[in-house]
PDB file of N, CA and C in Angstrom:
ATOM      1  N   MET A   1     -25.889  83.402  24.018  1.00  0.00           N
ATOM      2  CA  MET A   1     -25.365  84.914  23.539  1.00  0.00           C
ATOM      3  C   MET A   1     -26.810  85.334  23.522  1.00  0.00           C
ATOM      4  N   THR A   2     -26.985  86.743  23.903  1.00  0.00           N
ATOM      5  CA  THR A   2     -28.102  87.028  23.584  1.00  0.00           C
ATOM      6  C   THR A   2     -28.020  88.746  22.845  1.00  0.00           C
ATOM      7  N   LYS A   3     -26.641  88.689  22.667  1.00  0.00           N
ATOM      8  CA  LYS A   3     -26.109  89.909  22.178  1.00  0.00           C
ATOM      9  C   LYS A   3     -24.650  89.303  21.674  1.00  0.00           C
ATOM     10  N   PRO A   4     -24.274  90.176  19.746  1.00  0.00           N
ATOM     11  CA  PRO A   4     -23.568  89.166  19.183  1.00  0.00           C
ATOM     12  C   PRO A   4     -22.573  90.693  20.132  1.00  0.00           C
ATOM     13  N   ALA A   5     -20.986  90.102  20.194  1.00  0.00           N
ATOM     14  CA  ALA A   5     -19.543  90.489  20.768  1.00  0.00           C
ATOM     15  C   ALA A   5     -19.585  91.976  19.747  1.00  0.00           C
ATOM     16  N   SER A   6     -19.621  93.230  20.789  1.00  0.00           N
ATOM     17  CA  SER A   6     -19.378  94.347  20.175  1.00  0.00           C
ATOM     18  C   SER A   6     -17.716  94.841  20.723  1.00  0.00           C
ATOM     19  N   VAL A   7     -17.527  95.941  20.210  1.00  0.00           N
ATOM     20  CA  VAL A   7     -16.204  96.744  20.698  1.00  0.00           C
ATOM     21  C   VAL A   7     -16.756  98.333  21.572  1.00  0.00           C
ATOM     22  N   ARG A   8     -16.197  98.403  22.380  1.00  0.00           N
ATOM     23  CA  ARG A   8     -16.749  99.737  23.151  1.00  0.00           C
ATOM     24  C   ARG A   8     -15.236 100.484  23.283  1.00  0.00           C
ATOM     25  N   ALA A   9     -15.575 101.840  23.061  1.00  0.00           N
ATOM     26  CA  ALA A   9     -14.099 102.565  23.578  1.00  0.00           C
ATOM     27  C   ALA A   9     -14.560 103.167  24.942  1.00  0.00           C
ATOM     28  N   VAL A  10     -13.835 103.245  26.089  1.00  0.00           N
ATOM     29  CA  VAL A  10     -13.537 103.769  27.343  1.00  0.00           C
ATOM     30  C   VAL A  10     -12.946 104.736  27.376  1.00  0.00           C
ATOM     31  N   GLU A  11     -12.611 106.141  27.680  1.00  0.00           N
ATOM     32  CA  GLU A  11     -11.805 106.353  27.735  1.00  0.00           C
ATOM     33  C   GLU A  11     -11.256 106.507  28.999  1.00  0.00           C
ATOM     34  N   ILE A  12     -10.527 106.541  29.596  1.00  0.00           N
ATOM     35  CA  ILE A  12      -9.623 106.690  30.739  1.00  0.00           C
ATOM     36  C   ILE A  12      -8.964 107.297  31.331  1.00  0.00           C
ATOM     37  N   PRO A  13      -9.213 108.583  32.158  1.00  0.00           N
ATOM     38  CA  PRO A  13      -8.375 110.112  32.060  1.00  0.00           C
ATOM     39  C   PRO A  13      -6.630 109.476  32.395  1.00  0.00           C
ATOM     40  N   ALA A  14      -6.089 109.850  32.056  1.00  0.00           N
ATOM     41  CA  ALA A  14      -4.502 110.035  32.626  1.00  0.00           C
ATOM     42  C   ALA A  14      -4.424 110.668  34.204  1.00  0.00           C
ATOM     43  N   GLU A  15      -3.571 109.874  35.194  1.00  0.00           N
ATOM     44  CA  GLU A  15      -3.233 110.146  36.063  1.00  0.00           C
ATOM     45  C   GLU A  15      -1.851 111.099  36.216  1.00  0.00           C
ATOM     46  N   TYR A  16      -1.561 112.085  36.783  1.00  0.00           N
ATOM     47  CA  TYR A  16      -0.569 112.614  36.730  1.00  0.00           C
ATOM     48  C   TYR A  16      -0.243 112.491  38.542  1.00  0.00           C
ATOM     49  N   GLN A  17       1.659 112.465  38.570  1.00  0.00           N
ATOM     50  CA  GLN A  17       2.103 112.485  39.753  1.00  0.00           C
ATOM     51  C   GLN A  17       3.270 113.920  39.981  1.00  0.00           C
ATOM     52  N   THR A  18       3.654 113.763  41.095  1.00  0.00           N
ATOM     53  CA  THR A  18       4.735 114.902  41.107  1.00  0.00           C
ATOM     54  C   THR A  18       6.136 114.312  41.588  1.00  0.00           C
ATOM     55  N   ILE A  19       6.915 114.199  40.968  1.00  0.00           N
ATOM     56  CA  ILE A  19       8.398 113.393  41.205  1.00  0.00           C
ATOM     57  C   ILE A  19       9.230 114.299  41.172  1.00  0.00           C
ATOM     58  N   LYS A  20      10.081 114.359  42.422  1.00  0.00           N
ATOM     59  CA  LYS A  20      11.112 115.152  42.476  1.00  0.00           C
ATOM     60  C   LYS A  20      12.588 114.329  42.049  1.00  0.00           C
ATOM     61  N   VAL A  21      13.022 115.454  41.263  1.00  0.00           N
ATOM     62  CA  VAL A  21      14.495 115.053  40.324  1.00  0.00           C
ATOM     63  C   VAL A  21      15.602 115.990  40.480  1.00  0.00           C
ATOM     64  N   THR A  22      16.650 114.933  40.977  1.00  0.00           N
ATOM     65  CA  THR A  22      17.746 116.052  41.293  1.00  0.00           C
ATOM     66  C   THR A  22      18.382 116.072  39.961  1.00  0.00           C
ATOM     67  N   LYS A  23      18.714 117.278  39.336  1.00  0.00           N
ATOM     68  CA  LYS A  23      18.950 117.615  38.094  1.00  0.00           C
ATOM     69  C   LYS A  23      20.433 118.193  38.248  1.00  0.00           C
ATOM     70  N   MET A  24      21.309 118.076  37.208  1.00  0.00           N
ATOM     71  CA  MET A  24      22.352 118.819  37.496  1.00  0.00           C
ATOM     72  C   MET A  24      22.147 120.403  36.504  1.00  0.00           C
ATOM     73  N   VAL A  25      22.546 121.247  37.388  1.00  0.00           N
ATOM     74  CA  VAL A  25      22.414 122.675  37.419  1.00  0.00           C
ATOM     75  C   VAL A  25      23.044 123.423  36.202  1.00  0.00           C
ATOM     76  N   SER A  26      24.680 123.066  36.422  1.00  0.00           N
ATOM     77  CA  SER A  26      25.807 123.578  35.995  1.00  0.00           C
ATOM     78  C   SER A  26      26.672 122.285  36.398  1.00  0.00           C
ATOM     79  N   PRO A  27      27.545 121.804  35.382  1.00  0.00           N
ATOM     80  CA  PRO A  27      28.973 121.358  35.652  1.00  0.00           C
ATOM     81  C   PRO A  27      29.492 121.259  36.592  1.00  0.00           C
ATOM     82  N   PRO A  28      30.461 119.785  37.521  1.00  0.00           N
ATOM     83  CA  PRO A  28      31.196 120.108  38.510  1.00  0.00           C
ATOM     84  C   PRO A  28      32.367 121.250  37.753  1.00  0.00           C
ATOM     85  N   GLN A  29      32.580 121.919  38.906  1.00  0.00           N
ATOM     86  CA  GLN A  29      33.825 122.732  38.767  1.00  0.00           C
ATOM     87  C   GLN A  29      35.332 122.390  39.772  1.00  0.00           C
ATOM     88  N   GLU A  30      36.322 123.010  39.530  1.00  0.00           N
ATOM     89  CA  GLU A  30      37.715 122.612  40.540  1.00  0.00           C
ATOM     90  C   GLU A  30      37.894 123.583  41.033  1.00  0.00           C
ATOM     91  N   LYS A  31      37.678 124.342  42.233  1.00  0.00           N
ATOM     92  CA  LYS A  31      38.381 125.397  43.060  1.00  0.00           C
ATOM     93  C   LYS A  31      39.751 125.118  43.827  1.00  0.00           C
ATOM     94  N   ARG A  32      40.918 125.544  43.329  1.00  0.00           N
ATOM     95  CA  ARG A  32      41.617 125.720  44.259  1.00  0.00           C
ATOM     96  C   ARG A  32      41.967 126.380  45.166  1.00  0.00           C
ATOM     97  N   VAL A  33      42.423 126.350  46.334  1.00  0.00           N
ATOM     98  CA  VAL A  33      42.015 127.043  47.327  1.00  0.00           C
ATOM     99  C   VAL A  33      43.928 126.771  47.980  1.00  0.00           C
ATOM    100  N   PRO A  34      44.617 127.803  48.242  1.00  0.00           N
ATOM    101  CA  PRO A  34      45.898 127.772  48.727  1.00  0.00           C
ATOM    102  C   PRO A  34      45.890 127.030  50.355  1.00  0.00           C
ATOM    103  N   ILE A  35      46.619 126.502  51.070  1.00  0.00           N
ATOM    104  CA  ILE A  35      46.851 126.299  51.863  1.00  0.00           C
ATOM    105  C   ILE A  35      48.259 126.233  52.764  1.00  0.00           C
ATOM    106  N   PRO A  36      48.619 127.054  53.283  1.00  0.00           N
ATOM    107  CA  PRO A  36      49.799 127.281  53.795  1.00  0.00           C
ATOM    108  C   PRO A  36      50.452 126.290  54.756  1.00  0.00           C
ATOM    109  N   GLU A  37      51.734 126.026  54.307  1.00  0.00           N
ATOM    110  CA  GLU A  37      52.372 124.382  54.996  1.00  0.00           C
ATOM    111  C   GLU A  37      52.317 125.338  56.704  1.00  0.00           C
ATOM    112  N   GLU A  38      52.464 123.996  57.322  1.00  0.00           N
ATOM    113  CA  GLU A  38      52.908 124.033  59.111  1.00  0.00           C
ATOM    114  C   GLU A  38      53.967 123.049  59.313  1.00  0.00           C
ATOM    115  N   TYR A  39      54.921 123.835  59.794  1.00  0.00           N
ATOM    116  CA  TYR A  39      55.987 123.450  60.339  1.00  0.00           C
ATOM    117  C   TYR A  39      55.811 123.126  62.263  1.00  0.00           C
ATOM    118  N   GLY A  40      56.848 122.023  62.442  1.00  0.00           N
ATOM    119  CA  GLY A  40      56.741 121.870  63.907  1.00  0.00           C
ATOM    120  C   GLY A  40      57.883 121.267  64.188  1.00  0.00           C
ATOM    121  N   THR A  41      58.023 121.372  65.177  1.00  0.00           N
ATOM    122  CA  THR A  41      59.877 120.126  65.753  1.00  0.00           C
ATOM    123  C   THR A  41      59.246 118.799  66.527  1.00  0.00           C
ATOM    124  N   VAL A  42      59.492 118.244  65.905  1.00  0.00           N
ATOM    125  CA  VAL A  42      59.194 116.802  66.268  1.00  0.00           C
ATOM    126  C   VAL A  42      60.547 115.991  67.117  1.00  0.00           C
ATOM    127  N   THR A  43      60.384 115.841  68.222  1.00  0.00           N
ATOM    128  CA  THR A  43      61.426 115.345  69.391  1.00  0.00           C
ATOM    129  C   THR A  43      62.158 114.096  68.941  1.00  0.00           C
ATOM    130  N   LYS A  44      62.819 113.335  69.083  1.00  0.00           N
ATOM    131  CA  LYS A  44      62.906 112.064  68.243  1.00  0.00           C
ATOM    132  C   LYS A  44      64.219 111.286  69.314  1.00  0.00           C
ATOM    133  N   ARG A  45      63.812 109.874  70.075  1.00  0.00           N
ATOM    134  CA  ARG A  45      65.569 109.886  70.799  1.00  0.00           C
ATOM    135  C   ARG A  45      65.759 108.790  69.758  1.00  0.00           C
ATOM    136  N   VAL A  46      66.945 108.875  69.544  1.00  0.00           N
ATOM    137  CA  VAL A  46      67.698 107.721  68.959  1.00  0.00           C
ATOM    138  C   VAL A  46      68.955 107.097  69.465  1.00  0.00           C
ATOM    139  N   LYS A  47      68.698 105.989  69.478  1.00  0.00           N
ATOM    140  CA  LYS A  47      69.774 105.175  70.068  1.00  0.00           C
ATOM    141  C   LYS A  47      71.536 104.981  69.313  1.00  0.00           C
ATOM    142  N   VAL A  48      72.244 105.908  69.994  1.00  0.00           N
ATOM    143  CA  VAL A  48      73.532 105.884  69.450  1.00  0.00           C
ATOM    144  C   VAL A  48      74.544 105.253  70.035  1.00  0.00           C
ATOM    145  N   ALA A  49      74.185 104.472  71.566  1.00  0.00           N
ATOM    146  CA  ALA A  49      74.876 103.427  71.319  1.00  0.00           C
ATOM    147  C   ALA A  49      74.794 102.676  72.662  1.00  0.00           C
ATOM    148  N   ASP A  50      75.270 101.063  72.797  1.00  0.00           N
ATOM    149  CA  ASP A  50      74.421 100.190  73.287  1.00  0.00           C
ATOM    150  C   ASP A  50      74.647 100.525  74.874  1.00  0.00           C
ATOM    151  N   SER A  51      74.108 100.197  75.795  1.00  0.00           N
ATOM    152  CA  SER A  51      74.110 100.329  77.532  1.00  0.00           C
ATOM    153  C   SER A  51      75.030  99.660  78.010  1.00  0.00           C
ATOM    154  N   CYS A  52      75.812  99.680  79.259  1.00  0.00           N
ATOM    155  CA  CYS A  52      76.713  98.686  79.430  1.00  0.00           C
ATOM    156  C   CYS A  52      76.639  98.824  81.477  1.00  0.00           C
ATOM    157  N   LEU A  53      76.892  98.301  81.744  1.00  0.00           N
ATOM    158  CA  LEU A  53      76.638  98.151  83.312  1.00  0.00           C
ATOM    159  C   LEU A  53      78.377  97.867  83.900  1.00  0.00           C
ATOM    160  N   ASP A  54      78.339  99.116  84.279  1.00  0.00           N
ATOM    161  CA  ASP A  54      79.913  99.411  85.089  1.00  0.00           C
ATOM    162  C   ASP A  54      80.095  98.554  86.937  1.00  0.00           C
ATOM    163  N   TRP A  55      80.402  98.303  87.302  1.00  0.00           N
ATOM    164  CA  TRP A  55      80.544  97.828  88.707  1.00  0.00           C
ATOM    165  C   TRP A  55      82.109  98.349  89.011  1.00  0.00           C
ATOM    166  N   ARG A  56      81.013  98.937  90.093  1.00  0.00           N
ATOM    167  CA  ARG A  56      82.154 100.257  91.119  1.00  0.00           C
ATOM    168  C   ARG A  56      82.178  99.441  92.531  1.00  0.00           C
ATOM    169  N   LEU A  57      83.691  99.404  93.416  1.00  0.00           N
ATOM    170  CA  LEU A  57      83.172  99.377  94.844  1.00  0.00           C
ATOM    171  C   LEU A  57      82.856 100.423  95.369  1.00  0.00           C
ATOM    172  N   VAL A  58      81.734 100.440  96.213  1.00  0.00           N
ATOM    173  CA  VAL A  58      81.320 101.852  96.977  1.00  0.00           C
ATOM    174  C   VAL A  58      81.482 101.533  98.317  1.00  0.00           C
ATOM    175  N   LEU A  59      81.484 102.767  99.348  1.00  0.00           N
ATOM    176  CA  LEU A  59      81.816 102.573 100.773  1.00  0.00           C
ATOM    177  C   LEU A  59      80.697 102.395 101.190  1.00  0.00           C
ATOM    178  N   CYS A  60      80.136 100.686 101.946  1.00  0.00           N
ATOM    179  CA  CYS A  60      78.924 100.670 102.250  1.00  0.00           C
ATOM    180  C   CYS A  60      79.028 101.299 103.569  1.00  0.00           C
ATOM    181  N   GLU A  61      77.420 101.562 104.005  1.00  0.00           N
ATOM    182  CA  GLU A  61      77.168 102.449 105.151  1.00  0.00           C
ATOM    183  C   GLU A  61      78.080 101.891 106.744  1.00  0.00           C
ATOM    184  N   THR A  62      78.542 100.655 106.874  1.00  0.00           N
ATOM    185  CA  THR A  62      79.625  99.899 107.617  1.00  0.00           C
ATOM    186  C   THR A  62      80.653 100.272 107.969  1.00  0.00           C
ATOM    187  N   ASN A  63      81.301 100.955 106.695  1.00  0.00           N
ATOM    188  CA  ASN A  63      82.264 101.576 106.127  1.00  0.00           C
ATOM    189  C   ASN A  63      82.344 103.094 106.622  1.00  0.00           C
ATOM    190  N   MET A  64      80.741 103.497 106.314  1.00  0.00           N
ATOM    191  CA  MET A  64      80.798 104.856 106.634  1.00  0.00           C
ATOM    192  C   MET A  64      80.656 105.619 108.261  1.00  0.00           C
ATOM    193  N   THR A  65      82.001 105.718 108.978  1.00  0.00           N
ATOM    194  CA  THR A  65      81.635 105.760 109.905  1.00  0.00           C
ATOM    195  C   THR A  65      81.996 107.483 110.064  1.00  0.00           C
ATOM    196  N   PRO A  66      81.664 108.225 111.382  1.00  0.00           N
ATOM    197  CA  PRO A  66      81.871 109.177 111.730  1.00  0.00           C
ATOM    198  C   PRO A  66      83.094 109.991 111.267  1.00  0.00           C
ATOM    199  N   GLU A  67      84.521 109.243 111.537  1.00  0.00           N
ATOM    200  CA  GLU A  67      85.642 109.612 111.111  1.00  0.00           C
ATOM    201  C   GLU A  67      85.992 109.597 109.789  1.00  0.00           C
ATOM    202  N   VAL A  68      85.571 108.470 109.461  1.00  0.00           N
ATOM    203  CA  VAL A  68      85.755 108.747 108.246  1.00  0.00           C
ATOM    204  C   VAL A  68      85.175 109.576 106.835  1.00  0.00           C
ATOM    205  N   ILE A  69      84.236 110.029 107.313  1.00  0.00           N
ATOM    206  CA  ILE A  69      83.390 111.084 106.654  1.00  0.00           C
ATOM    207  C   ILE A  69      84.112 112.132 106.764  1.00  0.00           C
ATOM    208  N   LYS A  70      84.233 112.316 108.145  1.00  0.00           N
ATOM    209  CA  LYS A  70      85.405 113.774 108.803  1.00  0.00           C
ATOM    210  C   LYS A  70      86.325 114.027 107.465  1.00  0.00           C
ATOM    211  N   LYS A  71      87.002 112.745 107.374  1.00  0.00           N
ATOM    212  CA  LYS A  71      88.264 112.777 106.641  1.00  0.00           C
ATOM    213  C   LYS A  71      87.439 113.286 105.125  1.00  0.00           C
ATOM    214  N   VAL A  72      86.208 112.730 104.542  1.00  0.00           N
ATOM    215  CA  VAL A  72      86.044 112.815 102.809  1.00  0.00           C
ATOM    216  C   VAL A  72      85.776 114.313 103.192  1.00  0.00           C
ATOM    217  N   GLN A  73      85.119 114.742 103.861  1.00  0.00           N
ATOM    218  CA  GLN A  73      84.706 116.383 104.146  1.00  0.00           C
ATOM    219  C   GLN A  73      85.700 117.159 103.904  1.00  0.00           C
ATOM    220  N   GLN A  74      86.520 117.234 104.982  1.00  0.00           N
ATOM    221  CA  GLN A  74      87.986 117.910 105.550  1.00  0.00           C
ATOM    222  C   GLN A  74      88.857 117.857 103.538  1.00  0.00           C
ATOM    223  N   ALA A  75      88.861 116.896 103.046  1.00  0.00           N
ATOM    224  CA  ALA A  75      89.219 116.616 101.594  1.00  0.00           C
ATOM    225  C   ALA A  75      88.635 117.374 100.487  1.00  0.00           C
ATOM    226  N   LEU A  76      87.166 117.516 100.824  1.00  0.00           N
ATOM    227  CA  LEU A  76      86.552 117.861  99.805  1.00  0.00           C
ATOM    228  C   LEU A  76      86.490 119.152  99.679  1.00  0.00           C
ATOM    229  N   SER A  77      86.882 119.619 101.010  1.00  0.00           N
ATOM    230  CA  SER A  77      86.982 121.484 101.384  1.00  0.00           C
ATOM    231  C   SER A  77      88.211 121.543 101.292  1.00  0.00           C
ATOM    232  N   ASN A  78      89.288 120.890 101.274  1.00  0.00           N
ATOM    233  CA  ASN A  78      90.965 121.009 100.783  1.00  0.00           C
ATOM    234  C   ASN A  78      90.661 121.422  99.412  1.00  0.00           C
ATOM    235  N   ALA A  79      89.958 120.279  98.540  1.00  0.00           N
ATOM    236  CA  ALA A  79      89.715 120.758  97.168  1.00  0.00           C
ATOM    237  C   ALA A  79      89.270 121.470  96.558  1.00  0.00           C
ATOM    238  N   GLY A  80      88.719 122.109  97.473  1.00  0.00           N
ATOM    239  CA  GLY A  80      87.625 123.403  97.058  1.00  0.00           C
ATOM    240  C   GLY A  80      86.145 123.294  96.564  1.00  0.00           C
ATOM    241  N   PHE A  81      85.321 122.113  97.480  1.00  0.00           N
ATOM    242  CA  PHE A  81      84.380 122.335  97.569  1.00  0.00           C
ATOM    243  C   PHE A  81      83.584 121.902  98.788  1.00  0.00           C
ATOM    244  N   ASN A  82      82.667 122.414  98.658  1.00  0.00           N
ATOM    245  CA  ASN A  82      81.519 122.831  99.701  1.00  0.00           C
ATOM    246  C   ASN A  82      81.004 121.353 100.234  1.00  0.00           C
ATOM    247  N   PRO A  83      81.761 120.885 101.401  1.00  0.00           N
ATOM    248  CA  PRO A  83      80.525 119.876 101.870  1.00  0.00           C
ATOM    249  C   PRO A  83      79.719 120.005 103.224  1.00  0.00           C
ATOM    250  N   GLY A  84      79.668 121.429 103.197  1.00  0.00           N
ATOM    251  CA  GLY A  84      79.176 121.846 104.476  1.00  0.00           C
ATOM    252  C   GLY A  84      79.615 121.390 106.117  1.00  0.00           C
ATOM    253  N   PRO A  85      78.961 121.652 106.977  1.00  0.00           N
ATOM    254  CA  PRO A  85      79.643 121.571 107.988  1.00  0.00           C
ATOM    255  C   PRO A  85      80.779 119.779 108.195  1.00  0.00           C
ATOM    256  N   ILE A  86      81.981 120.169 108.818  1.00  0.00           N
ATOM    257  CA  ILE A  86      82.492 118.793 108.638  1.00  0.00           C
ATOM    258  C   ILE A  86      82.306 118.385 110.287  1.00  0.00           C
ATOM    259  N   ASP A  87      81.240 117.656 109.971  1.00  0.00           N
ATOM    260  CA  ASP A  87      80.623 116.977 111.172  1.00  0.00           C
ATOM    261  C   ASP A  87      80.576 115.425 111.356  1.00  0.00           C
ATOM    262  N   GLY A  88      80.989 114.816 110.215  1.00  0.00           N
ATOM    263  CA  GLY A  88      81.018 113.363 110.332  1.00  0.00           C
ATOM    264  C   GLY A  88      79.708 112.862 109.837  1.00  0.00           C
ATOM    265  N   ILE A  89      78.559 113.691 109.033  1.00  0.00           N
ATOM    266  CA  ILE A  89      77.629 113.397 108.977  1.00  0.00           C
ATOM    267  C   ILE A  89      77.299 113.206 107.623  1.00  0.00           C
ATOM    268  N   TYR A  90      77.081 112.275 106.604  1.00  0.00           N
ATOM    269  CA  TYR A  90      76.877 112.272 104.844  1.00  0.00           C
ATOM    270  C   TYR A  90      75.679 112.585 104.614  1.00  0.00           C
ATOM    271  N   GLU A  91      75.334 113.641 104.647  1.00  0.00           N
ATOM    272  CA  GLU A  91      74.188 114.255 104.165  1.00  0.00           C
ATOM    273  C   GLU A  91      74.059 115.057 103.083  1.00  0.00           C
ATOM    274  N   SER A  92      72.744 115.856 102.603  1.00  0.00           N
ATOM    275  CA  SER A  92      72.758 116.436 101.156  1.00  0.00           C
ATOM    276  C   SER A  92      73.922 117.005 100.802  1.00  0.00           C
ATOM    277  N   ASP A  93      74.757 117.639 101.513  1.00  0.00           N
ATOM    278  CA  ASP A  93      75.582 118.853 101.047  1.00  0.00           C
ATOM    279  C   ASP A  93      76.920 118.174 100.972  1.00  0.00           C
ATOM    280  N   THR A  94      77.235 117.333 101.844  1.00  0.00           N
ATOM    281  CA  THR A  94      78.401 116.348 101.495  1.00  0.00           C
ATOM    282  C   THR A  94      78.490 115.625 100.068  1.00  0.00           C
ATOM    283  N   ARG A  95      76.853 115.104 100.339  1.00  0.00           N
ATOM    284  CA  ARG A  95      76.657 114.066  98.784  1.00  0.00           C
ATOM    285  C   ARG A  95      77.148 115.592  97.703  1.00  0.00           C
ATOM    286  N   SER A  96      76.670 116.746  97.160  1.00  0.00           N
ATOM    287  CA  SER A  96      76.155 117.146  96.673  1.00  0.00           C
ATOM    288  C   SER A  96      77.735 117.614  96.020  1.00  0.00           C
ATOM    289  N   ALA A  97      78.692 117.617  97.126  1.00  0.00           N
ATOM    290  CA  ALA A  97      80.276 117.971  97.001  1.00  0.00           C
ATOM    291  C   ALA A  97      80.639 116.946  96.295  1.00  0.00           C
ATOM    292  N   VAL A  98      80.597 116.075  96.595  1.00  0.00           N
ATOM    293  CA  VAL A  98      81.003 114.628  96.042  1.00  0.00           C
ATOM    294  C   VAL A  98      80.968 114.589  94.848  1.00  0.00           C
ATOM    295  N   VAL A  99      79.605 114.762  94.405  1.00  0.00           N
ATOM    296  CA  VAL A  99      78.847 114.785  93.062  1.00  0.00           C
ATOM    297  C   VAL A  99      79.698 115.315  92.321  1.00  0.00           C
ATOM    298  N   ALA A 100      79.838 116.776  92.787  1.00  0.00           N
ATOM    299  CA  ALA A 100      80.580 117.854  92.307  1.00  0.00           C
ATOM    300  C   ALA A 100      81.832 117.639  92.076  1.00  0.00           C
ATOM    301  N   TYR A 101      82.700 116.873  92.428  1.00  0.00           N
ATOM    302  CA  TYR A 101      84.532 116.230  92.840  1.00  0.00           C
ATOM    303  C   TYR A 101      84.151 115.565  91.491  1.00  0.00           C
ATOM    304  N   GLN A 102      83.189 114.448  91.442  1.00  0.00           N
ATOM    305  CA  GLN A 102      83.090 113.450  90.868  1.00  0.00           C
ATOM    306  C   GLN A 102      83.480 113.670  89.539  1.00  0.00           C
ATOM    307  N   LYS A 103      82.244 114.633  89.284  1.00  0.00           N
ATOM    308  CA  LYS A 103      82.003 115.167  87.590  1.00  0.00           C
ATOM    309  C   LYS A 103      83.762 116.182  87.234  1.00  0.00           C
ATOM    310  N   ALA A 104      83.846 116.846  88.300  1.00  0.00           N
ATOM    311  CA  ALA A 104      85.175 117.714  87.915  1.00  0.00           C
ATOM    312  C   ALA A 104      86.519 116.695  87.704  1.00  0.00           C
ATOM    313  N   LYS A 105      86.295 115.582  88.181  1.00  0.00           N
ATOM    314  CA  LYS A 105      87.733 115.235  88.362  1.00  0.00           C
ATOM    315  C   LYS A 105      87.618 113.756  87.068  1.00  0.00           C
ATOM    316  N   GLY A 106      86.502 113.635  86.551  1.00  0.00           N
ATOM    317  CA  GLY A 106      85.904 112.502  85.802  1.00  0.00           C
ATOM    318  C   GLY A 106      85.761 111.088  86.346  1.00  0.00           C
ATOM    319  N   LEU A 107      85.124 111.222  87.644  1.00  0.00           N
ATOM    320  CA  LEU A 107      85.419 109.679  87.696  1.00  0.00           C
ATOM    321  C   LEU A 107      83.511 109.403  88.175  1.00  0.00           C
ATOM    322  N   ALA A 108      83.675 108.112  88.048  1.00  0.00           N
ATOM    323  CA  ALA A 108      82.299 107.734  88.117  1.00  0.00           C
ATOM    324  C   ALA A 108      81.108 108.341  89.257  1.00  0.00           C
ATOM    325  N   GLN A 109      80.038 109.335  88.642  1.00  0.00           N
ATOM    326  CA  GLN A 109      79.131 110.045  89.706  1.00  0.00           C
ATOM    327  C   GLN A 109      78.115 109.023  90.305  1.00  0.00           C
ATOM    328  N   GLY A 110      77.368 109.403  91.769  1.00  0.00           N
ATOM    329  CA  GLY A 110      76.445 108.961  92.361  1.00  0.00           C
ATOM    330  C   GLY A 110      77.324 108.931  93.980  1.00  0.00           C
ATOM    331  N   GLU A 111      77.371 107.450  94.134  1.00  0.00           N
ATOM    332  CA  GLU A 111      77.892 107.013  95.411  1.00  0.00           C
ATOM    333  C   GLU A 111      79.487 107.619  95.546  1.00  0.00           C
ATOM    334  N   LEU A 112      79.720 107.073  97.254  1.00  0.00           N
ATOM    335  CA  LEU A 112      81.164 107.612  97.330  1.00  0.00           C
ATOM    336  C   LEU A 112      81.810 106.473  96.990  1.00  0.00           C
ATOM    337  N   THR A 113      82.600 106.194  96.070  1.00  0.00           N
ATOM    338  CA  THR A 113      83.502 105.034  95.556  1.00  0.00           C
ATOM    339  C   THR A 113      84.783 105.198  96.047  1.00  0.00           C
ATOM    340  N   TYR A 114      85.175 103.892  95.941  1.00  0.00           N
ATOM    341  CA  TYR A 114      86.697 103.621  96.278  1.00  0.00           C
ATOM    342  C   TYR A 114      87.877 104.306  95.630  1.00  0.00           C
ATOM    343  N   GLU A 115      87.396 104.844  94.801  1.00  0.00           N
ATOM    344  CA  GLU A 115      88.037 105.567  93.453  1.00  0.00           C
ATOM    345  C   GLU A 115      88.411 107.105  93.999  1.00  0.00           C
ATOM    346  N   THR A 116      87.308 107.328  94.670  1.00  0.00           N
ATOM    347  CA  THR A 116      86.988 108.985  94.457  1.00  0.00           C
ATOM    348  C   THR A 116      87.682 109.151  95.713  1.00  0.00           C
ATOM    349  N   LEU A 117      87.420 107.935  96.953  1.00  0.00           N
ATOM    350  CA  LEU A 117      88.176 107.650  98.158  1.00  0.00           C
ATOM    351  C   LEU A 117      89.914 108.117  97.813  1.00  0.00           C
ATOM    352  N   GLU A 118      90.380 107.243  97.132  1.00  0.00           N
ATOM    353  CA  GLU A 118      92.084 107.439  96.616  1.00  0.00           C
ATOM    354  C   GLU A 118      92.160 108.678  95.991  1.00  0.00           C
ATOM    355  N   SER A 119      91.960 109.133  95.165  1.00  0.00           N
ATOM    356  CA  SER A 119      91.337 110.106  94.365  1.00  0.00           C
ATOM    357  C   SER A 119      91.232 111.650  95.735  1.00  0.00           C
ATOM    358  N   LEU A 120      90.434 111.264  96.793  1.00  0.00           N
ATOM    359  CA  LEU A 120      91.246 112.348  97.328  1.00  0.00           C
ATOM    360  C   LEU A 120      91.796 112.176  98.716  1.00  0.00           C
ATOM    361  N   GLY A 121      92.677 111.378  98.658  1.00  0.00           N
ATOM    362  CA  GLY A 121      93.697 110.578  99.498  1.00  0.00           C
ATOM    363  C   GLY A 121      93.258 110.685 100.773  1.00  0.00           C
ATOM    364  N   VAL A 122      92.104 109.854 100.808  1.00  0.00           N
ATOM    365  CA  VAL A 122      91.489 109.576 102.167  1.00  0.00           C
ATOM    366  C   VAL A 122      91.469 107.992 102.234  1.00  0.00           C
ATOM    367  N   SER A 123      91.943 107.546 103.665  1.00  0.00           N
ATOM    368  CA  SER A 123      92.223 105.804 103.943  1.00  0.00           C
ATOM    369  C   SER A 123      91.176 105.502 104.496  1.00  0.00           C
ATOM    370  N   LEU A 124      90.625 104.255 104.850  1.00  0.00           N
ATOM    371  CA  LEU A 124      89.779 103.605 105.854  1.00  0.00           C
ATOM    372  C   LEU A 124      90.509 103.370 107.291  1.00  0.00           C
ATOM    373  N   LYS A 125      91.551 103.746 106.679  1.00  0.00           N
ATOM    374  CA  LYS A 125      92.184 103.195 108.017  1.00  0.00           C
ATOM    375  C   LYS A 125      92.708 104.379 109.479  1.00  0.00           C
TER     376      LYS A 125
END
């Protein structure tokens, strides 16, 4: 050692840095805003009865001869239901008259049933 140990004070300047800090400026507040209620209609299907199948005897195409259809059209006309022209053709006017007759008499609706024929007084012979 050529020199004895010594203490030397060296001044190191401070370093500053700008840091962004999020700071609460005012305490949280509660604001109540009235929201008006809205009403709407909701359609809902509810089962009220079990389904059932009901077998009905219907007049098939083989038995729907022009003669039988003419009898049905005449009977519908006599009962006050308009089957269209009495021509022996089972078309839309006759079908509509059959359904209207069935509805009015409380019969099964749709096809020309034997029950409807009996109610109209029409025989297949």
